[in-house]
Every structure is written in structure tokens, then in C-alpha cells.
PDB file of N, CA and C in Angstrom:
ATOM      1  N   MET A   1     111.286  69.074  10.908  1.00  0.00           N
ATOM      2  CA  MET A   1     111.160  69.422  11.852  1.00  0.00           C
ATOM      3  C   MET A   1     109.945  70.905  11.421  1.00  0.00           C
ATOM      4  N   ALA A   2     108.779  69.887  12.299  1.00  0.00           N
ATOM      5  CA  ALA A   2     107.739  71.551  12.156  1.00  0.00           C
ATOM      6  C   ALA A   2     107.819  72.057  12.971  1.00  0.00           C
ATOM      7  N   GLU A   3     107.250  73.330  13.276  1.00  0.00           N
ATOM      8  CA  GLU A   3     107.563  74.549  14.079  1.00  0.00           C
ATOM      9  C   GLU A   3     105.501  74.400  14.291  1.00  0.00           C
ATOM     10  N   LEU A   4     105.629  74.409  15.776  1.00  0.00           N
ATOM     11  CA  LEU A   4     104.333  75.101  16.274  1.00  0.00           C
ATOM     12  C   LEU A   4     104.248  75.822  17.427  1.00  0.00           C
ATOM     13  N   THR A   5     103.154  76.970  17.292  1.00  0.00           N
ATOM     14  CA  THR A   5     103.508  78.193  18.226  1.00  0.00           C
ATOM     15  C   THR A   5     102.212  78.077  18.908  1.00  0.00           C
ATOM     16  N   ILE A   6     102.450  78.156  20.542  1.00  0.00           N
ATOM     17  CA  ILE A   6     101.012  77.886  21.223  1.00  0.00           C
ATOM     18  C   ILE A   6     101.214  79.469  21.926  1.00  0.00           C
ATOM     19  N   GLN A   7      99.983  79.611  22.791  1.00  0.00           N
ATOM     20  CA  GLN A   7      99.644  80.496  24.076  1.00  0.00           C
ATOM     21  C   GLN A   7      99.702  80.143  25.289  1.00  0.00           C
ATOM     22  N   ILE A   8     100.356  80.175  25.931  1.00  0.00           N
ATOM     23  CA  ILE A   8     100.356  80.027  27.071  1.00  0.00           C
ATOM     24  C   ILE A   8     101.221  80.778  28.230  1.00  0.00           C
ATOM     25  N   PRO A   9     100.569  80.697  29.389  1.00  0.00           N
ATOM     26  CA  PRO A   9     100.310  81.695  30.672  1.00  0.00           C
ATOM     27  C   PRO A   9     101.641  82.108  31.098  1.00  0.00           C
ATOM     28  N   ASP A  10     102.098  83.150  31.252  1.00  0.00           N
ATOM     29  CA  ASP A  10     103.326  83.805  31.548  1.00  0.00           C
ATOM     30  C   ASP A  10     104.196  82.999  32.677  1.00  0.00           C
ATOM     31  N   ASP A  11     103.073  82.338  33.883  1.00  0.00           N
ATOM     32  CA  ASP A  11     103.924  81.736  34.605  1.00  0.00           C
ATOM     33  C   ASP A  11     104.380  80.281  34.200  1.00  0.00           C
ATOM     34  N   LEU A  12     103.483  79.751  32.867  1.00  0.00           N
ATOM     35  CA  LEU A  12     103.818  78.441  32.886  1.00  0.00           C
ATOM     36  C   LEU A  12     105.151  78.556  31.767  1.00  0.00           C
ATOM     37  N   ALA A  13     105.370  79.736  31.050  1.00  0.00           N
ATOM     38  CA  ALA A  13     106.388  79.533  30.074  1.00  0.00           C
ATOM     39  C   ALA A  13     107.631  80.449  31.269  1.00  0.00           C
ATOM     40  N   GLU A  14     107.708  80.641  32.000  1.00  0.00           N
ATOM     41  CA  GLU A  14     108.718  80.328  32.996  1.00  0.00           C
ATOM     42  C   GLU A  14     109.317  79.546  33.601  1.00  0.00           C
ATOM     43  N   ARG A  15     107.978  78.799  33.737  1.00  0.00           N
ATOM     44  CA  ARG A  15     108.646  77.155  34.360  1.00  0.00           C
ATOM     45  C   ARG A  15     109.441  76.319  33.514  1.00  0.00           C
ATOM     46  N   LEU A  16     108.761  76.730  31.948  1.00  0.00           N
ATOM     47  CA  LEU A  16     109.269  75.843  31.003  1.00  0.00           C
ATOM     48  C   LEU A  16     110.495  76.235  30.257  1.00  0.00           C
ATOM     49  N   LYS A  17     110.873  77.384  30.694  1.00  0.00           N
ATOM     50  CA  LYS A  17     112.248  78.141  29.811  1.00  0.00           C
ATOM     51  C   LYS A  17     113.466  77.122  30.158  1.00  0.00           C
ATOM     52  N   PRO A  18     113.615  76.405  31.644  1.00  0.00           N
ATOM     53  CA  PRO A  18     114.341  75.373  31.975  1.00  0.00           C
ATOM     54  C   PRO A  18     114.901  74.441  30.993  1.00  0.00           C
ATOM     55  N   LEU A  19     113.448  73.934  30.668  1.00  0.00           N
ATOM     56  CA  LEU A  19     113.131  72.942  29.915  1.00  0.00           C
ATOM     57  C   LEU A  19     113.027  72.843  28.594  1.00  0.00           C
ATOM     58  N   GLN A  20     113.677  74.470  28.008  1.00  0.00           N
ATOM     59  CA  GLN A  20     113.068  74.421  26.465  1.00  0.00           C
ATOM     60  C   GLN A  20     113.661  73.381  25.364  1.00  0.00           C
ATOM     61  N   ASN A  21     115.172  73.442  26.102  1.00  0.00           N
ATOM     62  CA  ASN A  21     116.047  72.421  24.664  1.00  0.00           C
ATOM     63  C   ASN A  21     115.587  71.074  24.730  1.00  0.00           C
ATOM     64  N   ARG A  22     114.777  70.705  25.574  1.00  0.00           N
ATOM     65  CA  ARG A  22     113.852  69.205  25.800  1.00  0.00           C
ATOM     66  C   ARG A  22     111.984  69.287  25.566  1.00  0.00           C
ATOM     67  N   LEU A  23     112.069  70.488  25.116  1.00  0.00           N
ATOM     68  CA  LEU A  23     110.280  70.120  24.900  1.00  0.00           C
ATOM     69  C   LEU A  23     109.771  69.476  24.102  1.00  0.00           C
ATOM     70  N   PRO A  24     110.509  69.238  22.770  1.00  0.00           N
ATOM     71  CA  PRO A  24     110.259  68.011  21.809  1.00  0.00           C
ATOM     72  C   PRO A  24     110.163  66.457  22.570  1.00  0.00           C
ATOM     73  N   GLU A  25     111.476  66.069  23.321  1.00  0.00           N
ATOM     74  CA  GLU A  25     111.703  64.740  23.722  1.00  0.00           C
ATOM     75  C   GLU A  25     110.412  64.966  24.741  1.00  0.00           C
ATOM     76  N   LEU A  26     109.957  65.799  25.437  1.00  0.00           N
ATOM     77  CA  LEU A  26     109.112  65.340  26.839  1.00  0.00           C
ATOM     78  C   LEU A  26     107.554  65.327  26.266  1.00  0.00           C
ATOM     79  N   LEU A  27     107.229  66.287  24.488  1.00  0.00           N
ATOM     80  CA  LEU A  27     105.792  66.327  24.657  1.00  0.00           C
ATOM     81  C   LEU A  27     105.682  65.072  23.990  1.00  0.00           C
ATOM     82  N   SER A  28     106.986  64.528  23.105  1.00  0.00           N
ATOM     83  CA  SER A  28     106.820  62.943  23.128  1.00  0.00           C
ATOM     84  C   SER A  28     106.666  62.033  23.825  1.00  0.00           C
ATOM     85  N   GLN A  29     107.157  62.382  24.836  1.00  0.00           N
ATOM     86  CA  GLN A  29     106.913  61.064  25.832  1.00  0.00           C
ATOM     87  C   GLN A  29     105.572  61.199  26.393  1.00  0.00           C
ATOM     88  N   LEU A  30     104.919  61.766  26.502  1.00  0.00           N
ATOM     89  CA  LEU A  30     103.413  62.639  27.457  1.00  0.00           C
ATOM     90  C   LEU A  30     102.665  62.272  26.137  1.00  0.00           C
ATOM     91  N   LEU A  31     102.770  62.001  24.509  1.00  0.00           N
ATOM     92  CA  LEU A  31     101.719  61.718  23.842  1.00  0.00           C
ATOM     93  C   LEU A  31     101.991  59.938  23.694  1.00  0.00           C
ATOM     94  N   ASN A  32     102.881  59.534  23.728  1.00  0.00           N
ATOM     95  CA  ASN A  32     103.589  57.871  23.541  1.00  0.00           C
ATOM     96  C   ASN A  32     103.913  57.181  24.336  1.00  0.00           C
ATOM     97  N   PRO A  33     103.299  57.680  25.840  1.00  0.00           N
ATOM     98  CA  PRO A  33     103.793  56.928  27.109  1.00  0.00           C
ATOM     99  C   PRO A  33     104.456  55.790  27.108  1.00  0.00           C
ATOM    100  N   THR A  34     103.969  54.714  26.201  1.00  0.00           N
ATOM    101  CA  THR A  34     104.558  53.535  25.928  1.00  0.00           C
ATOM    102  C   THR A  34     105.849  53.279  25.812  1.00  0.00           C
ATOM    103  N   ASP A  35     106.252  54.694  24.932  1.00  0.00           N
ATOM    104  CA  ASP A  35     107.535  54.520  24.508  1.00  0.00           C
ATOM    105  C   ASP A  35     108.819  54.398  25.514  1.00  0.00           C
ATOM    106  N   LEU A  36     108.431  54.685  26.834  1.00  0.00           N
ATOM    107  CA  LEU A  36     109.131  54.564  28.418  1.00  0.00           C
ATOM    108  C   LEU A  36     109.023  53.423  28.847  1.00  0.00           C
ATOM    109  N   SER A  37     110.213  52.974  29.031  1.00  0.00           N
ATOM    110  CA  SER A  37     110.437  51.705  30.279  1.00  0.00           C
ATOM    111  C   SER A  37     109.467  52.294  31.830  1.00  0.00           C
ATOM    112  N   PRO A  38     108.332  51.645  32.191  1.00  0.00           N
ATOM    113  CA  PRO A  38     107.849  51.938  33.446  1.00  0.00           C
ATOM    114  C   PRO A  38     109.081  52.048  34.291  1.00  0.00           C
ATOM    115  N   ALA A  39     109.757  51.011  34.514  1.00  0.00           N
ATOM    116  CA  ALA A  39     111.029  50.984  35.691  1.00  0.00           C
ATOM    117  C   ALA A  39     111.967  52.384  35.788  1.00  0.00           C
ATOM    118  N   SER A  40     112.098  52.513  34.191  1.00  0.00           N
ATOM    119  CA  SER A  40     112.811  54.217  34.397  1.00  0.00           C
ATOM    120  C   SER A  40     112.140  55.798  34.549  1.00  0.00           C
ATOM    121  N   THR A  41     110.673  55.362  34.805  1.00  0.00           N
ATOM    122  CA  THR A  41     110.115  56.648  35.101  1.00  0.00           C
ATOM    123  C   THR A  41     109.165  56.578  36.415  1.00  0.00           C
ATOM    124  N   VAL A  42     108.652  57.888  36.376  1.00  0.00           N
ATOM    125  CA  VAL A  42     108.273  57.969  38.040  1.00  0.00           C
ATOM    126  C   VAL A  42     107.179  59.120  37.282  1.00  0.00           C
ATOM    127  N   SER A  43     106.034  58.477  37.788  1.00  0.00           N
ATOM    128  CA  SER A  43     104.690  59.755  37.491  1.00  0.00           C
ATOM    129  C   SER A  43     105.069  61.139  38.280  1.00  0.00           C
ATOM    130  N   LEU A  44     104.581  61.813  37.762  1.00  0.00           N
ATOM    131  CA  LEU A  44     104.250  62.816  38.184  1.00  0.00           C
ATOM    132  C   LEU A  44     103.907  62.432  40.569  1.00  0.00           C
ATOM    133  N   ARG A  45     102.706  61.677  40.180  1.00  0.00           N
ATOM    134  CA  ARG A  45     102.489  61.541  41.713  1.00  0.00           C
ATOM    135  C   ARG A  45     102.576  60.545  42.866  1.00  0.00           C
ATOM    136  N   GLU A  46     103.937  60.069  41.822  1.00  0.00           N
ATOM    137  CA  GLU A  46     104.752  59.155  42.544  1.00  0.00           C
ATOM    138  C   GLU A  46     105.942  60.030  42.884  1.00  0.00           C
ATOM    139  N   MET A  47     106.102  60.962  42.406  1.00  0.00           N
ATOM    140  CA  MET A  47     107.536  61.889  42.274  1.00  0.00           C
ATOM    141  C   MET A  47     108.047  62.283  44.156  1.00  0.00           C
ATOM    142  N   PRO A  48     108.879  62.423  44.723  1.00  0.00           N
ATOM    143  CA  PRO A  48     108.989  62.562  45.727  1.00  0.00           C
ATOM    144  C   PRO A  48     108.634  64.431  45.592  1.00  0.00           C
ATOM    145  N   GLN A  49     108.581  64.242  46.833  1.00  0.00           N
ATOM    146  CA  GLN A  49     108.142  66.042  47.276  1.00  0.00           C
ATOM    147  C   GLN A  49     109.449  66.590  47.318  1.00  0.00           C
ATOM    148  N   ALA A  50     110.512  66.053  47.425  1.00  0.00           N
ATOM    149  CA  ALA A  50     111.616  67.199  47.424  1.00  0.00           C
ATOM    150  C   ALA A  50     111.498  67.237  46.146  1.00  0.00           C
ATOM    151  N   TYR A  51     111.449  66.934  45.414  1.00  0.00           N
ATOM    152  CA  TYR A  51     112.174  66.830  43.987  1.00  0.00           C
ATOM    153  C   TYR A  51     111.317  67.709  43.370  1.00  0.00           C
ATOM    154  N   LEU A  52     109.795  67.356  43.945  1.00  0.00           N
ATOM    155  CA  LEU A  52     108.869  69.088  43.013  1.00  0.00           C
ATOM    156  C   LEU A  52     109.355  69.780  43.845  1.00  0.00           C
ATOM    157  N   GLU A  53     109.848  69.993  45.288  1.00  0.00           N
ATOM    158  CA  GLU A  53     110.211  71.592  45.497  1.00  0.00           C
ATOM    159  C   GLU A  53     111.324  72.108  44.781  1.00  0.00           C
ATOM    160  N   VAL A  54     112.282  70.949  44.444  1.00  0.00           N
ATOM    161  CA  VAL A  54     113.363  71.118  43.774  1.00  0.00           C
ATOM    162  C   VAL A  54     113.222  72.147  42.602  1.00  0.00           C
ATOM    163  N   LEU A  55     112.531  71.130  41.923  1.00  0.00           N
ATOM    164  CA  LEU A  55     112.088  71.704  40.084  1.00  0.00           C
ATOM    165  C   LEU A  55     111.275  72.929  40.375  1.00  0.00           C
ATOM    166  N   ASP A  56     110.399  73.123  41.540  1.00  0.00           N
ATOM    167  CA  ASP A  56     109.420  74.530  41.339  1.00  0.00           C
ATOM    168  C   ASP A  56     110.671  76.009  41.654  1.00  0.00           C
ATOM    169  N   PHE A  57     111.416  75.312  42.312  1.00  0.00           N
ATOM    170  CA  PHE A  57     112.636  76.357  43.107  1.00  0.00           C
ATOM    171  C   PHE A  57     113.764  76.641  41.499  1.00  0.00           C
ATOM    172  N   LEU A  58     114.033  75.814  40.976  1.00  0.00           N
ATOM    173  CA  LEU A  58     114.972  75.962  40.355  1.00  0.00           C
ATOM    174  C   LEU A  58     114.438  76.544  38.984  1.00  0.00           C
ATOM    175  N   THR A  59     113.079  76.293  38.529  1.00  0.00           N
ATOM    176  CA  THR A  59     112.004  76.960  37.510  1.00  0.00           C
ATOM    177  C   THR A  59     112.150  78.946  37.895  1.00  0.00           C
ATOM    178  N   THR A  60     112.110  79.642  39.110  1.00  0.00           N
ATOM    179  CA  THR A  60     112.078  80.618  39.858  1.00  0.00           C
ATOM    180  C   THR A  60     114.268  80.968  38.692  1.00  0.00           C
ATOM    181  N   GLN A  61     114.188  79.976  37.977  1.00  0.00           N
ATOM    182  CA  GLN A  61     116.382  80.535  37.453  1.00  0.00           C
ATOM    183  C   GLN A  61     116.755  81.463  39.069  1.00  0.00           C
ATOM    184  N   PRO A  62     116.966  80.587  40.225  1.00  0.00           N
ATOM    185  CA  PRO A  62     117.650  81.353  41.311  1.00  0.00           C
ATOM    186  C   PRO A  62     119.131  81.858  41.144  1.00  0.00           C
ATOM    187  N   SER A  63     119.399  82.736  41.584  1.00  0.00           N
ATOM    188  CA  SER A  63     120.971  83.092  41.737  1.00  0.00           C
ATOM    189  C   SER A  63     122.284  82.231  42.413  1.00  0.00           C
ATOM    190  N   PRO A  64     123.169  82.200  42.138  1.00  0.00           N
ATOM    191  CA  PRO A  64     124.271  81.382  42.930  1.00  0.00           C
ATOM    192  C   PRO A  64     124.074  81.203  44.424  1.00  0.00           C
ATOM    193  N   GLN A  65     123.763  82.467  45.114  1.00  0.00           N
ATOM    194  CA  GLN A  65     123.450  82.729  46.161  1.00  0.00           C
ATOM    195  C   GLN A  65     122.394  81.627  47.032  1.00  0.00           C
ATOM    196  N   ASP A  66     121.253  81.986  45.841  1.00  0.00           N
ATOM    197  CA  ASP A  66     119.664  81.428  46.593  1.00  0.00           C
ATOM    198  C   ASP A  66     119.980  79.817  46.387  1.00  0.00           C
ATOM    199  N   ILE A  67     120.731  79.225  45.508  1.00  0.00           N
ATOM    200  CA  ILE A  67     121.016  78.076  45.291  1.00  0.00           C
ATOM    201  C   ILE A  67     121.953  77.384  46.695  1.00  0.00           C
ATOM    202  N   LEU A  68     123.113  78.368  47.112  1.00  0.00           N
ATOM    203  CA  LEU A  68     123.125  78.173  47.990  1.00  0.00           C
ATOM    204  C   LEU A  68     122.995  77.758  49.198  1.00  0.00           C
ATOM    205  N   ALA A  69     121.503  78.541  49.377  1.00  0.00           N
ATOM    206  CA  ALA A  69     120.804  78.838  50.690  1.00  0.00           C
ATOM    207  C   ALA A  69     119.490  77.825  50.731  1.00  0.00           C
ATOM    208  N   PHE A  70     119.597  77.324  49.232  1.00  0.00           N
ATOM    209  CA  PHE A  70     118.155  76.544  48.917  1.00  0.00           C
ATOM    210  C   PHE A  70     118.531  75.211  50.335  1.00  0.00           C
ATOM    211  N   LYS A  71     117.459  75.343  50.744  1.00  0.00           N
ATOM    212  CA  LYS A  71     116.330  73.631  51.379  1.00  0.00           C
ATOM    213  C   LYS A  71     114.792  72.894  50.966  1.00  0.00           C
ATOM    214  N   VAL A  72     115.143  71.439  50.843  1.00  0.00           N
ATOM    215  CA  VAL A  72     113.955  71.312  51.048  1.00  0.00           C
ATOM    216  C   VAL A  72     113.502  71.898  52.325  1.00  0.00           C
ATOM    217  N   SER A  73     111.988  71.513  52.089  1.00  0.00           N
ATOM    218  CA  SER A  73     110.879  71.416  53.164  1.00  0.00           C
ATOM    219  C   SER A  73     111.489  70.938  54.753  1.00  0.00           C
ATOM    220  N   PRO A  74     111.370  70.782  55.448  1.00  0.00           N
ATOM    221  CA  PRO A  74     111.327  70.116  57.228  1.00  0.00           C
ATOM    222  C   PRO A  74     110.306  68.457  56.472  1.00  0.00           C
ATOM    223  N   GLN A  75     109.394  68.434  55.872  1.00  0.00           N
ATOM    224  CA  GLN A  75     108.560  67.724  55.624  1.00  0.00           C
ATOM    225  C   GLN A  75     108.830  66.890  54.676  1.00  0.00           C
ATOM    226  N   ALA A  76     109.871  67.641  53.605  1.00  0.00           N
ATOM    227  CA  ALA A  76     110.139  66.980  52.695  1.00  0.00           C
ATOM    228  C   ALA A  76     111.606  66.035  52.964  1.00  0.00           C
ATOM    229  N   GLN A  77     112.335  66.745  54.398  1.00  0.00           N
ATOM    230  CA  GLN A  77     113.542  66.018  54.568  1.00  0.00           C
ATOM    231  C   GLN A  77     113.295  64.554  56.148  1.00  0.00           C
ATOM    232  N   GLU A  78     111.949  65.032  56.799  1.00  0.00           N
ATOM    233  CA  GLU A  78     111.581  64.000  57.320  1.00  0.00           C
ATOM    234  C   GLU A  78     111.009  62.720  56.290  1.00  0.00           C
ATOM    235  N   ARG A  79     110.292  62.787  55.483  1.00  0.00           N
ATOM    236  CA  ARG A  79     109.909  61.805  54.797  1.00  0.00           C
ATOM    237  C   ARG A  79     111.206  61.008  54.026  1.00  0.00           C
ATOM    238  N   LEU A  80     112.113  61.886  53.682  1.00  0.00           N
ATOM    239  CA  LEU A  80     113.148  61.221  53.424  1.00  0.00           C
ATOM    240  C   LEU A  80     113.896  60.460  54.759  1.00  0.00           C
ATOM    241  N   SER A  81     114.050  61.064  55.508  1.00  0.00           N
ATOM    242  CA  SER A  81     114.493  60.412  56.879  1.00  0.00           C
ATOM    243  C   SER A  81     113.886  58.923  57.048  1.00  0.00           C
ATOM    244  N   ILE A  82     112.324  58.944  57.356  1.00  0.00           N
ATOM    245  CA  ILE A  82     111.570  57.684  57.550  1.00  0.00           C
ATOM    246  C   ILE A  82     112.334  56.664  56.750  1.00  0.00           C
ATOM    247  N   LEU A  83     111.699  56.725  55.226  1.00  0.00           N
ATOM    248  CA  LEU A  83     112.178  55.603  54.356  1.00  0.00           C
ATOM    249  C   LEU A  83     113.212  55.295  54.482  1.00  0.00           C
ATOM    250  N   LEU A  84     114.365  55.894  54.271  1.00  0.00           N
ATOM    251  CA  LEU A  84     115.435  55.636  54.964  1.00  0.00           C
ATOM    252  C   LEU A  84     115.745  54.412  55.831  1.00  0.00           C
ATOM    253  N   SER A  85     115.098  55.097  57.220  1.00  0.00           N
ATOM    254  CA  SER A  85     114.924  54.390  58.316  1.00  0.00           C
ATOM    255  C   SER A  85     114.587  52.984  57.893  1.00  0.00           C
ATOM    256  N   LYS A  86     112.953  53.149  57.722  1.00  0.00           N
ATOM    257  CA  LYS A  86     112.499  51.766  57.202  1.00  0.00           C
ATOM    258  C   LYS A  86     113.377  50.907  56.239  1.00  0.00           C
ATOM    259  N   ASN A  87     114.049  51.682  55.484  1.00  0.00           N
ATOM    260  CA  ASN A  87     114.691  51.108  54.276  1.00  0.00           C
ATOM    261  C   ASN A  87     115.782  49.912  55.585  1.00  0.00           C
ATOM    262  N   LYS A  88     116.673  50.506  56.128  1.00  0.00           N
ATOM    263  CA  LYS A  88     117.385  49.678  56.618  1.00  0.00           C
ATOM    264  C   LYS A  88     117.099  48.865  57.757  1.00  0.00           C
ATOM    265  N   GLU A  89     115.172  48.662  58.033  1.00  0.00           N
ATOM    266  CA  GLU A  89     115.053  47.580  58.634  1.00  0.00           C
ATOM    267  C   GLU A  89     114.289  46.832  57.943  1.00  0.00           C
ATOM    268  N   ASN A  90     114.440  47.014  56.617  1.00  0.00           N
ATOM    269  CA  ASN A  90     113.562  46.049  55.488  1.00  0.00           C
ATOM    270  C   ASN A  90     111.724  46.086  56.025  1.00  0.00           C
ATOM    271  N   ALA A  91     111.900  47.451  55.983  1.00  0.00           N
ATOM    272  CA  ALA A  91     110.060  47.475  56.218  1.00  0.00           C
ATOM    273  C   ALA A  91     109.546  48.275  55.285  1.00  0.00           C
ATOM    274  N   LEU A  92     109.791  48.321  54.604  1.00  0.00           N
ATOM    275  CA  LEU A  92     109.033  49.470  53.129  1.00  0.00           C
ATOM    276  C   LEU A  92     108.224  48.601  52.794  1.00  0.00           C
ATOM    277  N   THR A  93     106.919  49.294  52.321  1.00  0.00           N
ATOM    278  CA  THR A  93     106.263  48.578  51.228  1.00  0.00           C
ATOM    279  C   THR A  93     106.838  48.595  50.363  1.00  0.00           C
ATOM    280  N   GLU A  94     105.682  48.134  48.744  1.00  0.00           N
ATOM    281  CA  GLU A  94     106.205  48.199  47.452  1.00  0.00           C
ATOM    282  C   GLU A  94     106.247  49.677  47.019  1.00  0.00           C
ATOM    283  N   ALA A  95     105.434  50.269  47.519  1.00  0.00           N
ATOM    284  CA  ALA A  95     105.012  51.807  47.219  1.00  0.00           C
ATOM    285  C   ALA A  95     106.298  52.781  47.570  1.00  0.00           C
ATOM    286  N   GLU A  96     106.473  52.550  48.876  1.00  0.00           N
ATOM    287  CA  GLU A  96     108.021  53.278  49.673  1.00  0.00           C
ATOM    288  C   GLU A  96     108.981  52.700  49.157  1.00  0.00           C
ATOM    289  N   THR A  97     109.535  51.819  48.782  1.00  0.00           N
ATOM    290  CA  THR A  97     110.178  51.184  47.501  1.00  0.00           C
ATOM    291  C   THR A  97     110.510  51.970  46.635  1.00  0.00           C
ATOM    292  N   ARG A  98     109.304  52.327  45.948  1.00  0.00           N
ATOM    293  CA  ARG A  98     109.569  53.074  44.213  1.00  0.00           C
ATOM    294  C   ARG A  98     109.622  54.645  44.921  1.00  0.00           C
ATOM    295  N   GLU A  99     109.063  55.087  46.267  1.00  0.00           N
ATOM    296  CA  GLU A  99     109.675  56.154  46.093  1.00  0.00           C
ATOM    297  C   GLU A  99     110.859  56.541  46.226  1.00  0.00           C
ATOM    298  N   LEU A 100     111.393  55.672  47.559  1.00  0.00           N
ATOM    299  CA  LEU A 100     112.252  55.519  47.381  1.00  0.00           C
ATOM    300  C   LEU A 100     113.669  55.731  46.177  1.00  0.00           C
ATOM    301  N   ASP A 101     113.274  54.838  45.607  1.00  0.00           N
ATOM    302  CA  ASP A 101     114.244  54.349  44.038  1.00  0.00           C
ATOM    303  C   ASP A 101     114.077  55.693  43.102  1.00  0.00           C
ATOM    304  N   ALA A 102     112.981  56.308  43.359  1.00  0.00           N
ATOM    305  CA  ALA A 102     113.281  57.519  42.675  1.00  0.00           C
ATOM    306  C   ALA A 102     113.850  58.960  42.734  1.00  0.00           C
ATOM    307  N   TYR A 103     114.856  58.716  44.025  1.00  0.00           N
ATOM    308  CA  TYR A 103     115.798  59.521  44.510  1.00  0.00           C
ATOM    309  C   TYR A 103     116.963  58.651  43.562  1.00  0.00           C
ATOM    310  N   GLU A 104     117.342  57.678  43.151  1.00  0.00           N
ATOM    311  CA  GLU A 104     118.487  57.223  42.261  1.00  0.00           C
ATOM    312  C   GLU A 104     118.497  57.658  41.097  1.00  0.00           C
TER     313      GLU A 104
END
């Protein structure tokens, strides 16, 4: 396997630390998106806000106490509540169905 050294901003390095064991796989997926099944992936644009908030939180390497106290924003909670209500009524749009499916 080849070794690659790059210079990146410190804040990006911190965000990548939790993913360092998966970086070769993630870079490969980034360069070869056709290797991924569309049904099994969610683009960053389609990723639910709650997931983005959790990922951002986890990249800060929180303490166990911080993890116990963590909650997603009220906006993310409300969005999920709306999706679940619409799902019960079979009233989800195609985009909303994909958004809700991303939580599975």
C-alpha cells in the first residue's frame, strides 16, 4: 500500500481523527461513487440535520459526560417529529421518505 502525506488545516485534522481508520475506504468511495449502491448511500445534502449535528459533536471528542448531556437541536427534533407524523398518515413526499429512511 502506498503512503500519502497531505497538509490540511488543523480543524479539519481534528474532524478527521475519528475517521482515520476508514480514510482509505472513504477516499476510495469519494473517487469511485459508482462503487456504491445508490440505495445504500445518502448524500451529504440529503443527510438529516440530526446526523450532521451528531457528527459535528463527535468530532470534538466529547467526554462521557458531554455525550450523556448531548441533544440534537430543537429544529432537528421537530423535523424528525414532522417526518414521523407524516409517515403515519402516509403523506411523505419521495424526498421526505429518503430523509426518513436515512435514519434506518
